[in-house]
PDB file of all heavy atoms in Angstrom:
ATOM      1  N   LEU A   1      40.882  16.409   0.430  1.00  0.00           N
ATOM      2  CA  LEU A   1      41.949  15.513  -0.009  1.00  0.00           C
ATOM      3  C   LEU A   1      42.934  16.244  -0.916  1.00  0.00           C
ATOM      4  O   LEU A   1      44.156  16.111  -0.776  1.00  0.00           O
ATOM      5  CB  LEU A   1      41.339  14.309  -0.737  1.00  0.00           C
ATOM      6  CG  LEU A   1      42.289  13.236  -1.263  1.00  0.00           C
ATOM      7  CD1 LEU A   1      43.172  12.684  -0.159  1.00  0.00           C
ATOM      8  CD2 LEU A   1      41.493  12.114  -1.918  1.00  0.00           C
ATOM      9  N   ALA A   2      42.424  17.044  -1.833  1.00  0.00           N
ATOM     10  CA  ALA A   2      43.292  17.792  -2.752  1.00  0.00           C
ATOM     11  C   ALA A   2      44.151  18.802  -2.002  1.00  0.00           C
ATOM     12  O   ALA A   2      45.341  18.993  -2.320  1.00  0.00           O
ATOM     13  CB  ALA A   2      42.436  18.502  -3.801  1.00  0.00           C
ATOM     14  N   GLU A   3      43.578  19.448  -0.998  1.00  0.00           N
ATOM     15  CA  GLU A   3      44.325  20.440  -0.220  1.00  0.00           C
ATOM     16  C   GLU A   3      45.483  19.783   0.516  1.00  0.00           C
ATOM     17  O   GLU A   3      46.605  20.311   0.535  1.00  0.00           O
ATOM     18  CB  GLU A   3      43.380  21.133   0.769  1.00  0.00           C
ATOM     19  CG  GLU A   3      44.038  22.288   1.506  1.00  0.00           C
ATOM     20  CD  GLU A   3      43.069  23.034   2.408  1.00  0.00           C
ATOM     21  OE1 GLU A   3      41.962  22.513   2.666  1.00  0.00           O
ATOM     22  OE2 GLU A   3      43.431  24.132   2.869  1.00  0.00           O
ATOM     23  N   VAL A   4      45.245  18.612   1.115  1.00  0.00           N
ATOM     24  CA  VAL A   4      46.298  17.910   1.845  1.00  0.00           C
ATOM     25  C   VAL A   4      47.378  17.422   0.890  1.00  0.00           C
ATOM     26  O   VAL A   4      48.580  17.540   1.164  1.00  0.00           O
ATOM     27  CB  VAL A   4      45.694  16.739   2.650  1.00  0.00           C
ATOM     28  CG1 VAL A   4      46.799  15.865   3.218  1.00  0.00           C
ATOM     29  CG2 VAL A   4      44.807  17.273   3.770  1.00  0.00           C
ATOM     30  N   ARG A   5      46.982  16.878  -0.252  1.00  0.00           N
ATOM     31  CA  ARG A   5      47.967  16.378  -1.223  1.00  0.00           C
ATOM     32  C   ARG A   5      48.832  17.499  -1.798  1.00  0.00           C
ATOM     33  O   ARG A   5      49.931  17.251  -2.289  1.00  0.00           O
ATOM     34  CB  ARG A   5      47.252  15.632  -2.349  1.00  0.00           C
ATOM     35  CG  ARG A   5      46.867  14.209  -1.974  1.00  0.00           C
ATOM     36  CD  ARG A   5      46.172  13.502  -3.097  1.00  0.00           C
ATOM     37  NE  ARG A   5      46.036  12.073  -2.810  1.00  0.00           N
ATOM     38  CZ  ARG A   5      45.108  11.287  -3.339  1.00  0.00           C
ATOM     39  NH1 ARG A   5      44.210  11.804  -4.177  1.00  0.00           N
ATOM     40  NH2 ARG A   5      45.076  10.013  -3.041  1.00  0.00           N
ATOM     41  N   SER A   6      48.342  18.729  -1.737  1.00  0.00           N
ATOM     42  CA  SER A   6      49.125  19.858  -2.247  1.00  0.00           C
ATOM     43  C   SER A   6      50.246  20.257  -1.291  1.00  0.00           C
ATOM     44  O   SER A   6      51.059  21.135  -1.617  1.00  0.00           O
ATOM     45  CB  SER A   6      48.205  21.062  -2.484  1.00  0.00           C
ATOM     46  OG  SER A   6      47.800  21.641  -1.237  1.00  0.00           O
ATOM     47  N   GLY A   7      50.304  19.628  -0.117  1.00  0.00           N
ATOM     48  CA  GLY A   7      51.344  19.933   0.854  1.00  0.00           C
ATOM     49  C   GLY A   7      50.887  20.806   1.995  1.00  0.00           C
ATOM     50  O   GLY A   7      51.648  21.061   2.936  1.00  0.00           O
ATOM     51  N   LYS A   8      49.645  21.262   1.942  1.00  0.00           N
ATOM     52  CA  LYS A   8      49.116  22.079   3.036  1.00  0.00           C
ATOM     53  C   LYS A   8      48.733  21.199   4.213  1.00  0.00           C
ATOM     54  O   LYS A   8      48.508  20.002   4.067  1.00  0.00           O
ATOM     55  CB  LYS A   8      47.909  22.875   2.549  1.00  0.00           C
ATOM     56  CG  LYS A   8      48.234  23.857   1.429  1.00  0.00           C
ATOM     57  CD  LYS A   8      46.983  24.565   0.950  1.00  0.00           C
ATOM     58  CE  LYS A   8      47.301  25.513  -0.214  1.00  0.00           C
ATOM     59  NZ  LYS A   8      46.078  26.155  -0.749  1.00  0.00           N
ATOM     60  N   SER A   9      48.650  21.802   5.384  1.00  0.00           N
ATOM     61  CA  SER A   9      48.296  21.063   6.598  1.00  0.00           C
ATOM     62  C   SER A   9      47.107  21.733   7.298  1.00  0.00           C
ATOM     63  O   SER A   9      47.236  22.320   8.377  1.00  0.00           O
ATOM     64  CB  SER A   9      49.493  20.988   7.549  1.00  0.00           C
ATOM     65  OG  SER A   9      50.555  20.277   6.956  1.00  0.00           O
ATOM     66  N   PRO A  10      45.941  21.669   6.685  1.00  0.00           N
ATOM     67  CA  PRO A  10      44.769  22.320   7.278  1.00  0.00           C
ATOM     68  C   PRO A  10      44.269  21.578   8.508  1.00  0.00           C
ATOM     69  O   PRO A  10      44.490  20.363   8.654  1.00  0.00           O
ATOM     70  CB  PRO A  10      43.733  22.246   6.146  1.00  0.00           C
ATOM     71  CG  PRO A  10      44.108  21.004   5.401  1.00  0.00           C
ATOM     72  CD  PRO A  10      45.606  20.958   5.438  1.00  0.00           C
ATOM     73  N   ALA A  11      43.606  22.284   9.399  1.00  0.00           N
ATOM     74  CA  ALA A  11      42.935  21.658  10.538  1.00  0.00           C
ATOM     75  C   ALA A  11      41.560  21.206  10.057  1.00  0.00           C
ATOM     76  O   ALA A  11      40.700  22.030   9.751  1.00  0.00           O
ATOM     77  CB  ALA A  11      42.809  22.646  11.690  1.00  0.00           C
ATOM     78  N   LEU A  12      41.374  19.894   9.960  1.00  0.00           N
ATOM     79  CA  LEU A  12      40.129  19.349   9.420  1.00  0.00           C
ATOM     80  C   LEU A  12      39.407  18.530  10.475  1.00  0.00           C
ATOM     81  O   LEU A  12      39.997  17.642  11.103  1.00  0.00           O
ATOM     82  CB  LEU A  12      40.425  18.453   8.206  1.00  0.00           C
ATOM     83  CG  LEU A  12      41.056  19.116   6.980  1.00  0.00           C
ATOM     84  CD1 LEU A  12      41.461  18.074   5.965  1.00  0.00           C
ATOM     85  CD2 LEU A  12      40.080  20.123   6.368  1.00  0.00           C
ATOM     86  N   SER A  13      38.134  18.822  10.659  1.00  0.00           N
ATOM     87  CA  SER A  13      37.328  18.007  11.563  1.00  0.00           C
ATOM     88  C   SER A  13      36.968  16.701  10.866  1.00  0.00           C
ATOM     89  O   SER A  13      37.167  16.536   9.653  1.00  0.00           O
ATOM     90  CB  SER A  13      36.044  18.749  11.939  1.00  0.00           C
ATOM     91  OG  SER A  13      35.200  18.882  10.799  1.00  0.00           O
ATOM     92  N   THR A  14      36.433  15.766  11.633  1.00  0.00           N
ATOM     93  CA  THR A  14      36.013  14.481  11.062  1.00  0.00           C
ATOM     94  C   THR A  14      35.041  14.688   9.913  1.00  0.00           C
ATOM     95  O   THR A  14      35.173  14.096   8.842  1.00  0.00           O
ATOM     96  CB  THR A  14      35.347  13.627  12.155  1.00  0.00           C
ATOM     97  OG1 THR A  14      36.296  13.417  13.205  1.00  0.00           O
ATOM     98  CG2 THR A  14      34.919  12.287  11.628  1.00  0.00           C
ATOM     99  N   ALA A  15      34.067  15.543  10.130  1.00  0.00           N
ATOM    100  CA  ALA A  15      33.037  15.770   9.113  1.00  0.00           C
ATOM    101  C   ALA A  15      33.565  16.497   7.887  1.00  0.00           C
ATOM    102  O   ALA A  15      32.976  16.429   6.813  1.00  0.00           O
ATOM    103  CB  ALA A  15      31.873  16.562   9.714  1.00  0.00           C
ATOM    104  N   GLU A  16      34.702  17.197   8.024  1.00  0.00           N
ATOM    105  CA  GLU A  16      35.276  17.918   6.892  1.00  0.00           C
ATOM    106  C   GLU A  16      36.121  17.020   6.003  1.00  0.00           C
ATOM    107  O   GLU A  16      36.509  17.420   4.905  1.00  0.00           O
ATOM    108  CB  GLU A  16      36.119  19.099   7.398  1.00  0.00           C
ATOM    109  CG  GLU A  16      35.288  20.226   7.976  1.00  0.00           C
ATOM    110  CD  GLU A  16      36.129  21.295   8.646  1.00  0.00           C
ATOM    111  OE1 GLU A  16      37.181  20.971   9.229  1.00  0.00           O
ATOM    112  OE2 GLU A  16      35.728  22.482   8.581  1.00  0.00           O
ATOM    113  N   LYS A  17      36.413  15.800   6.464  1.00  0.00           N
ATOM    114  CA  LYS A  17      37.228  14.866   5.670  1.00  0.00           C
ATOM    115  C   LYS A  17      36.391  13.802   4.958  1.00  0.00           C
ATOM    116  O   LYS A  17      36.765  13.337   3.878  1.00  0.00           O
ATOM    117  CB  LYS A  17      38.265  14.184   6.556  1.00  0.00           C
ATOM    118  CG  LYS A  17      39.389  15.097   7.013  1.00  0.00           C
ATOM    119  CD  LYS A  17      40.469  14.344   7.752  1.00  0.00           C
ATOM    120  CE  LYS A  17      40.004  13.839   9.101  1.00  0.00           C
ATOM    121  NZ  LYS A  17      41.095  13.170   9.851  1.00  0.00           N
ATOM    122  N   HIS A  18      35.276  13.393   5.587  1.00  0.00           N
ATOM    123  CA  HIS A  18      34.477  12.299   5.018  1.00  0.00           C
ATOM    124  C   HIS A  18      32.988  12.541   5.232  1.00  0.00           C
ATOM    125  O   HIS A  18      32.583  13.232   6.159  1.00  0.00           O
ATOM    126  CB  HIS A  18      34.806  10.961   5.702  1.00  0.00           C
ATOM    127  CG  HIS A  18      36.218  10.537   5.587  1.00  0.00           C
ATOM    128  ND1 HIS A  18      37.171  10.853   6.529  1.00  0.00           N
ATOM    129  CD2 HIS A  18      36.851   9.804   4.627  1.00  0.00           C
ATOM    130  CE1 HIS A  18      38.332  10.346   6.159  1.00  0.00           C
ATOM    131  NE2 HIS A  18      38.169   9.702   5.020  1.00  0.00           N
ATOM    132  N   LYS A  19      32.229  11.879   4.380  1.00  0.00           N
ATOM    133  CA  LYS A  19      30.807  11.727   4.637  1.00  0.00           C
ATOM    134  C   LYS A  19      30.478  10.239   4.535  1.00  0.00           C
ATOM    135  O   LYS A  19      31.224   9.466   3.929  1.00  0.00           O
ATOM    136  CB  LYS A  19      29.958  12.542   3.656  1.00  0.00           C
ATOM    137  CG  LYS A  19      30.215  12.266   2.190  1.00  0.00           C
ATOM    138  CD  LYS A  19      29.393  13.213   1.329  1.00  0.00           C
ATOM    139  CE  LYS A  19      29.705  13.003  -0.153  1.00  0.00           C
ATOM    140  NZ  LYS A  19      28.919  13.925  -1.015  1.00  0.00           N
ATOM    141  N   ARG A  20      29.368   9.852   5.153  1.00  0.00           N
ATOM    142  CA  ARG A  20      28.972   8.443   5.157  1.00  0.00           C
ATOM    143  C   ARG A  20      27.606   8.315   4.480  1.00  0.00           C
ATOM    144  O   ARG A  20      26.664   9.031   4.830  1.00  0.00           O
ATOM    145  CB  ARG A  20      28.937   7.894   6.584  1.00  0.00           C
ATOM    146  CG  ARG A  20      30.330   7.918   7.242  1.00  0.00           C
ATOM    147  CD  ARG A  20      30.397   7.033   8.471  1.00  0.00           C
ATOM    148  NE  ARG A  20      31.701   7.050   9.091  1.00  0.00           N
ATOM    149  CZ  ARG A  20      32.745   6.302   8.718  1.00  0.00           C
ATOM    150  NH1 ARG A  20      32.607   5.481   7.684  1.00  0.00           N
ATOM    151  NH2 ARG A  20      33.881   6.363   9.357  1.00  0.00           N
ATOM    152  N   VAL A  21      27.548   7.396   3.525  1.00  0.00           N
ATOM    153  CA  VAL A  21      26.343   7.210   2.725  1.00  0.00           C
ATOM    154  C   VAL A  21      25.840   5.786   2.978  1.00  0.00           C
ATOM    155  O   VAL A  21      26.551   4.813   2.707  1.00  0.00           O
ATOM    156  CB  VAL A  21      26.632   7.432   1.235  1.00  0.00           C
ATOM    157  CG1 VAL A  21      25.381   7.195   0.409  1.00  0.00           C
ATOM    158  CG2 VAL A  21      27.192   8.837   1.002  1.00  0.00           C
ATOM    159  N   CYS A  22      24.617   5.674   3.481  1.00  0.00           N
ATOM    160  CA  CYS A  22      24.069   4.382   3.893  1.00  0.00           C
ATOM    161  C   CYS A  22      22.881   3.994   3.023  1.00  0.00           C
ATOM    162  O   CYS A  22      21.970   4.791   2.809  1.00  0.00           O
ATOM    163  CB  CYS A  22      23.608   4.440   5.351  1.00  0.00           C
ATOM    164  SG  CYS A  22      24.836   5.109   6.499  1.00  0.00           S
ATOM    165  N   PHE A  23      22.891   2.761   2.546  1.00  0.00           N
ATOM    166  CA  PHE A  23      21.766   2.188   1.820  1.00  0.00           C
ATOM    167  C   PHE A  23      21.235   1.030   2.658  1.00  0.00           C
ATOM    168  O   PHE A  23      21.972   0.089   2.963  1.00  0.00           O
ATOM    169  CB  PHE A  23      22.187   1.721   0.435  1.00  0.00           C
ATOM    170  CG  PHE A  23      22.610   2.842  -0.474  1.00  0.00           C
ATOM    171  CD1 PHE A  23      23.945   3.202  -0.575  1.00  0.00           C
ATOM    172  CD2 PHE A  23      21.667   3.554  -1.196  1.00  0.00           C
ATOM    173  CE1 PHE A  23      24.332   4.257  -1.397  1.00  0.00           C
ATOM    174  CE2 PHE A  23      22.034   4.604  -2.027  1.00  0.00           C
ATOM    175  CZ  PHE A  23      23.370   4.958  -2.124  1.00  0.00           C
ATOM    176  N   VAL A  24      19.953   1.124   3.030  1.00  0.00           N
ATOM    177  CA  VAL A  24      19.395   0.225   4.035  1.00  0.00           C
ATOM    178  C   VAL A  24      18.132  -0.453   3.517  1.00  0.00           C
ATOM    179  O   VAL A  24      17.257   0.201   2.946  1.00  0.00           O
ATOM    180  CB  VAL A  24      19.065   0.999   5.338  1.00  0.00           C
ATOM    181  CG1 VAL A  24      18.494   0.064   6.399  1.00  0.00           C
ATOM    182  CG2 VAL A  24      20.308   1.723   5.856  1.00  0.00           C
ATOM    183  N   VAL A  25      18.074  -1.771   3.744  1.00  0.00           N
ATOM    184  CA  VAL A  25      16.856  -2.535   3.474  1.00  0.00           C
ATOM    185  C   VAL A  25      16.194  -2.795   4.821  1.00  0.00           C
ATOM    186  O   VAL A  25      16.805  -3.407   5.713  1.00  0.00           O
ATOM    187  CB  VAL A  25      17.160  -3.872   2.778  1.00  0.00           C
ATOM    188  CG1 VAL A  25      15.863  -4.652   2.546  1.00  0.00           C
ATOM    189  CG2 VAL A  25      17.884  -3.634   1.467  1.00  0.00           C
ATOM    190  N   ALA A  26      14.968  -2.316   4.982  1.00  0.00           N
ATOM    191  CA  ALA A  26      14.265  -2.470   6.252  1.00  0.00           C
ATOM    192  C   ALA A  26      13.171  -3.533   6.135  1.00  0.00           C
ATOM    193  O   ALA A  26      12.674  -3.827   5.044  1.00  0.00           O
ATOM    194  CB  ALA A  26      13.651  -1.147   6.678  1.00  0.00           C
ATOM    195  N   LYS A  27      12.816  -4.100   7.256  1.00  0.00           N
ATOM    196  CA  LYS A  27      11.709  -5.062   7.292  1.00  0.00           C
ATOM    197  C   LYS A  27      10.407  -4.337   6.965  1.00  0.00           C
ATOM    198  O   LYS A  27      10.265  -3.137   7.222  1.00  0.00           O
ATOM    199  CB  LYS A  27      11.598  -5.689   8.682  1.00  0.00           C
ATOM    200  CG  LYS A  27      12.742  -6.610   9.058  1.00  0.00           C
ATOM    201  CD  LYS A  27      12.539  -7.189  10.452  1.00  0.00           C
ATOM    202  CE  LYS A  27      13.689  -8.099  10.845  1.00  0.00           C
ATOM    203  NZ  LYS A  27      13.538  -8.630  12.231  1.00  0.00           N
ATOM    204  N   ASP A  28       9.465  -5.070   6.410  1.00  0.00           N
ATOM    205  CA  ASP A  28       8.148  -4.497   6.142  1.00  0.00           C
ATOM    206  C   ASP A  28       7.539  -3.987   7.445  1.00  0.00           C
ATOM    207  O   ASP A  28       7.502  -4.703   8.455  1.00  0.00           O
ATOM    208  CB  ASP A  28       7.220  -5.553   5.529  1.00  0.00           C
ATOM    209  CG  ASP A  28       7.627  -5.920   4.115  1.00  0.00           C
ATOM    210  OD1 ASP A  28       8.364  -5.135   3.489  1.00  0.00           O
ATOM    211  OD2 ASP A  28       7.228  -7.014   3.648  1.00  0.00           O
ATOM    212  N   GLY A  29       7.079  -2.747   7.421  1.00  0.00           N
ATOM    213  CA  GLY A  29       6.438  -2.182   8.600  1.00  0.00           C
ATOM    214  C   GLY A  29       7.389  -1.619   9.630  1.00  0.00           C
ATOM    215  O   GLY A  29       6.945  -1.126  10.676  1.00  0.00           O
ATOM    216  N   ALA A  30       8.689  -1.686   9.378  1.00  0.00           N
ATOM    217  CA  ALA A  30       9.657  -1.156  10.351  1.00  0.00           C
ATOM    218  C   ALA A  30       9.544   0.361  10.448  1.00  0.00           C
ATOM    219  O   ALA A  30       9.116   1.038   9.508  1.00  0.00           O
ATOM    220  CB  ALA A  30      11.067  -1.559   9.951  1.00  0.00           C
ATOM    221  N   ASP A  31       9.945   0.884  11.593  1.00  0.00           N
ATOM    222  CA  ASP A  31       9.914   2.326  11.846  1.00  0.00           C
ATOM    223  C   ASP A  31      11.146   2.955  11.200  1.00  0.00           C
ATOM    224  O   ASP A  31      12.246   2.954  11.774  1.00  0.00           O
ATOM    225  CB  ASP A  31       9.904   2.584  13.352  1.00  0.00           C
ATOM    226  CG  ASP A  31       9.747   4.052  13.698  1.00  0.00           C
ATOM    227  OD1 ASP A  31       9.972   4.904  12.813  1.00  0.00           O
ATOM    228  OD2 ASP A  31       9.421   4.345  14.865  1.00  0.00           O
ATOM    229  N   LEU A  32      10.988   3.503  10.001  1.00  0.00           N
ATOM    230  CA  LEU A  32      12.125   4.035   9.258  1.00  0.00           C
ATOM    231  C   LEU A  32      12.729   5.273   9.924  1.00  0.00           C
ATOM    232  O   LEU A  32      13.942   5.486   9.874  1.00  0.00           O
ATOM    233  CB  LEU A  32      11.700   4.372   7.823  1.00  0.00           C
ATOM    234  CG  LEU A  32      11.090   3.225   7.002  1.00  0.00           C
ATOM    235  CD1 LEU A  32      10.891   3.671   5.562  1.00  0.00           C
ATOM    236  CD2 LEU A  32      11.943   1.971   7.073  1.00  0.00           C
ATOM    237  N   VAL A  33      11.887   6.065  10.542  1.00  0.00           N
ATOM    238  CA  VAL A  33      12.377   7.267  11.228  1.00  0.00           C
ATOM    239  C   VAL A  33      13.298   6.870  12.378  1.00  0.00           C
ATOM    240  O   VAL A  33      14.377   7.447  12.579  1.00  0.00           O
ATOM    241  CB  VAL A  33      11.206   8.125  11.730  1.00  0.00           C
ATOM    242  CG1 VAL A  33      11.719   9.287  12.583  1.00  0.00           C
ATOM    243  CG2 VAL A  33      10.375   8.639  10.551  1.00  0.00           C
ATOM    244  N   ARG A  34      12.872   5.865  13.145  1.00  0.00           N
ATOM    245  CA  ARG A  34      13.699   5.392  14.266  1.00  0.00           C
ATOM    246  C   ARG A  34      15.024   4.813  13.768  1.00  0.00           C
ATOM    247  O   ARG A  34      16.089   5.095  14.332  1.00  0.00           O
ATOM    248  CB  ARG A  34      12.948   4.333  15.074  1.00  0.00           C
ATOM    249  CG  ARG A  34      13.816   3.675  16.175  1.00  0.00           C
ATOM    250  CD  ARG A  34      13.136   2.495  16.826  1.00  0.00           C
ATOM    251  NE  ARG A  34      12.766   1.450  15.894  1.00  0.00           N
ATOM    252  CZ  ARG A  34      13.629   0.565  15.385  1.00  0.00           C
ATOM    253  NH1 ARG A  34      14.904   0.607  15.722  1.00  0.00           N
ATOM    254  NH2 ARG A  34      13.202  -0.356  14.545  1.00  0.00           N
ATOM    255  N   ILE A  35      14.970   4.001  12.707  1.00  0.00           N
ATOM    256  CA  ILE A  35      16.191   3.375  12.185  1.00  0.00           C
ATOM    257  C   ILE A  35      17.180   4.439  11.718  1.00  0.00           C
ATOM    258  O   ILE A  35      18.373   4.390  12.049  1.00  0.00           O
ATOM    259  CB  ILE A  35      15.843   2.418  11.029  1.00  0.00           C
ATOM    260  CG1 ILE A  35      15.081   1.193  11.557  1.00  0.00           C
ATOM    261  CG2 ILE A  35      17.117   1.975  10.306  1.00  0.00           C
ATOM    262  CD1 ILE A  35      14.551   0.278  10.468  1.00  0.00           C
ATOM    263  N   GLU A  36      16.674   5.432  10.975  1.00  0.00           N
ATOM    264  CA  GLU A  36      17.567   6.496  10.497  1.00  0.00           C
ATOM    265  C   GLU A  36      18.175   7.266  11.667  1.00  0.00           C
ATOM    266  O   GLU A  36      19.370   7.595  11.654  1.00  0.00           O
ATOM    267  CB  GLU A  36      16.797   7.451   9.580  1.00  0.00           C
ATOM    268  CG  GLU A  36      17.667   8.575   9.029  1.00  0.00           C
ATOM    269  CD  GLU A  36      16.959   9.413   7.978  1.00  0.00           C
ATOM    270  OE1 GLU A  36      15.805   9.071   7.604  1.00  0.00           O
ATOM    271  OE2 GLU A  36      17.560  10.410   7.533  1.00  0.00           O
ATOM    272  N   LYS A  37      17.377   7.530  12.687  1.00  0.00           N
ATOM    273  CA  LYS A  37      17.868   8.255  13.865  1.00  0.00           C
ATOM    274  C   LYS A  37      18.950   7.442  14.583  1.00  0.00           C
ATOM    275  O   LYS A  37      19.979   7.987  14.990  1.00  0.00           O
ATOM    276  CB  LYS A  37      16.703   8.541  14.815  1.00  0.00           C
ATOM    277  CG  LYS A  37      17.052   9.394  16.025  1.00  0.00           C
ATOM    278  CD  LYS A  37      15.789   9.749  16.803  1.00  0.00           C
ATOM    279  CE  LYS A  37      16.083  10.710  17.959  1.00  0.00           C
ATOM    280  NZ  LYS A  37      16.877  10.085  19.021  1.00  0.00           N
ATOM    281  N   GLU A  38      18.729   6.132  14.734  1.00  0.00           N
ATOM    282  CA  GLU A  38      19.715   5.282  15.406  1.00  0.00           C
ATOM    283  C   GLU A  38      21.023   5.233  14.636  1.00  0.00           C
ATOM    284  O   GLU A  38      22.105   5.215  15.234  1.00  0.00           O
ATOM    285  CB  GLU A  38      19.167   3.863  15.603  1.00  0.00           C
ATOM    286  CG  GLU A  38      18.140   3.744  16.720  1.00  0.00           C
ATOM    287  CD  GLU A  38      17.859   2.298  17.090  1.00  0.00           C
ATOM    288  OE1 GLU A  38      18.797   1.473  17.049  1.00  0.00           O
ATOM    289  OE2 GLU A  38      16.685   1.988  17.409  1.00  0.00           O
ATOM    290  N   ILE A  39      20.930   5.200  13.313  1.00  0.00           N
ATOM    291  CA  ILE A  39      22.154   5.188  12.501  1.00  0.00           C
ATOM    292  C   ILE A  39      22.916   6.498  12.692  1.00  0.00           C
ATOM    293  O   ILE A  39      24.112   6.490  13.022  1.00  0.00           O
ATOM    294  CB  ILE A  39      21.812   4.981  11.012  1.00  0.00           C
ATOM    295  CG1 ILE A  39      21.264   3.573  10.776  1.00  0.00           C
ATOM    296  CG2 ILE A  39      23.060   5.212  10.145  1.00  0.00           C
ATOM    297  CD1 ILE A  39      20.693   3.356   9.381  1.00  0.00           C
ATOM    298  N   LYS A  40      22.244   7.612  12.501  1.00  0.00           N
ATOM    299  CA  LYS A  40      22.929   8.903  12.525  1.00  0.00           C
ATOM    300  C   LYS A  40      23.478   9.261  13.902  1.00  0.00           C
ATOM    301  O   LYS A  40      24.437  10.041  14.004  1.00  0.00           O
ATOM    302  CB  LYS A  40      21.973   9.997  12.049  1.00  0.00           C
ATOM    303  CG  LYS A  40      21.652   9.913  10.560  1.00  0.00           C
ATOM    304  CD  LYS A  40      20.794  11.079  10.103  1.00  0.00           C
ATOM    305  CE  LYS A  40      20.623  11.082   8.583  1.00  0.00           C
ATOM    306  NZ  LYS A  40      19.818  12.219   8.109  1.00  0.00           N
ATOM    307  N   GLU A  41      22.904   8.688  14.967  1.00  0.00           N
ATOM    308  CA  GLU A  41      23.354   9.017  16.319  1.00  0.00           C
ATOM    309  C   GLU A  41      24.267   7.950  16.917  1.00  0.00           C
ATOM    310  O   GLU A  41      24.660   8.052  18.082  1.00  0.00           O
ATOM    311  CB  GLU A  41      22.131   9.226  17.225  1.00  0.00           C
ATOM    312  CG  GLU A  41      21.284  10.424  16.835  1.00  0.00           C
ATOM    313  CD  GLU A  41      20.078  10.622  17.737  1.00  0.00           C
ATOM    314  OE1 GLU A  41      19.862   9.764  18.631  1.00  0.00           O
ATOM    315  OE2 GLU A  41      19.359  11.616  17.539  1.00  0.00           O
ATOM    316  N   MET A  42      24.650   6.932  16.131  1.00  0.00           N
ATOM    317  CA  MET A  42      25.472   5.847  16.655  1.00  0.00           C
ATOM    318  C   MET A  42      26.886   6.349  16.969  1.00  0.00           C
ATOM    319  O   MET A  42      27.609   6.779  16.086  1.00  0.00           O
ATOM    320  CB  MET A  42      25.539   4.706  15.629  1.00  0.00           C
ATOM    321  CG  MET A  42      26.141   3.431  16.187  1.00  0.00           C
ATOM    322  SD  MET A  42      26.254   2.123  14.917  1.00  0.00           S
ATOM    323  CE  MET A  42      24.520   1.872  14.513  1.00  0.00           C
TER     324      MET A  42
END
């Protein structure tokens, strides 16, 4: 963000501009590994 605001025009991939932070409440006994995988691969 600072680089762009300085007037530069860098080539930025999606992952180079943002990150996504998820906080999840799961059902008791749910497969947490599966849920995390489904989120990250959506």
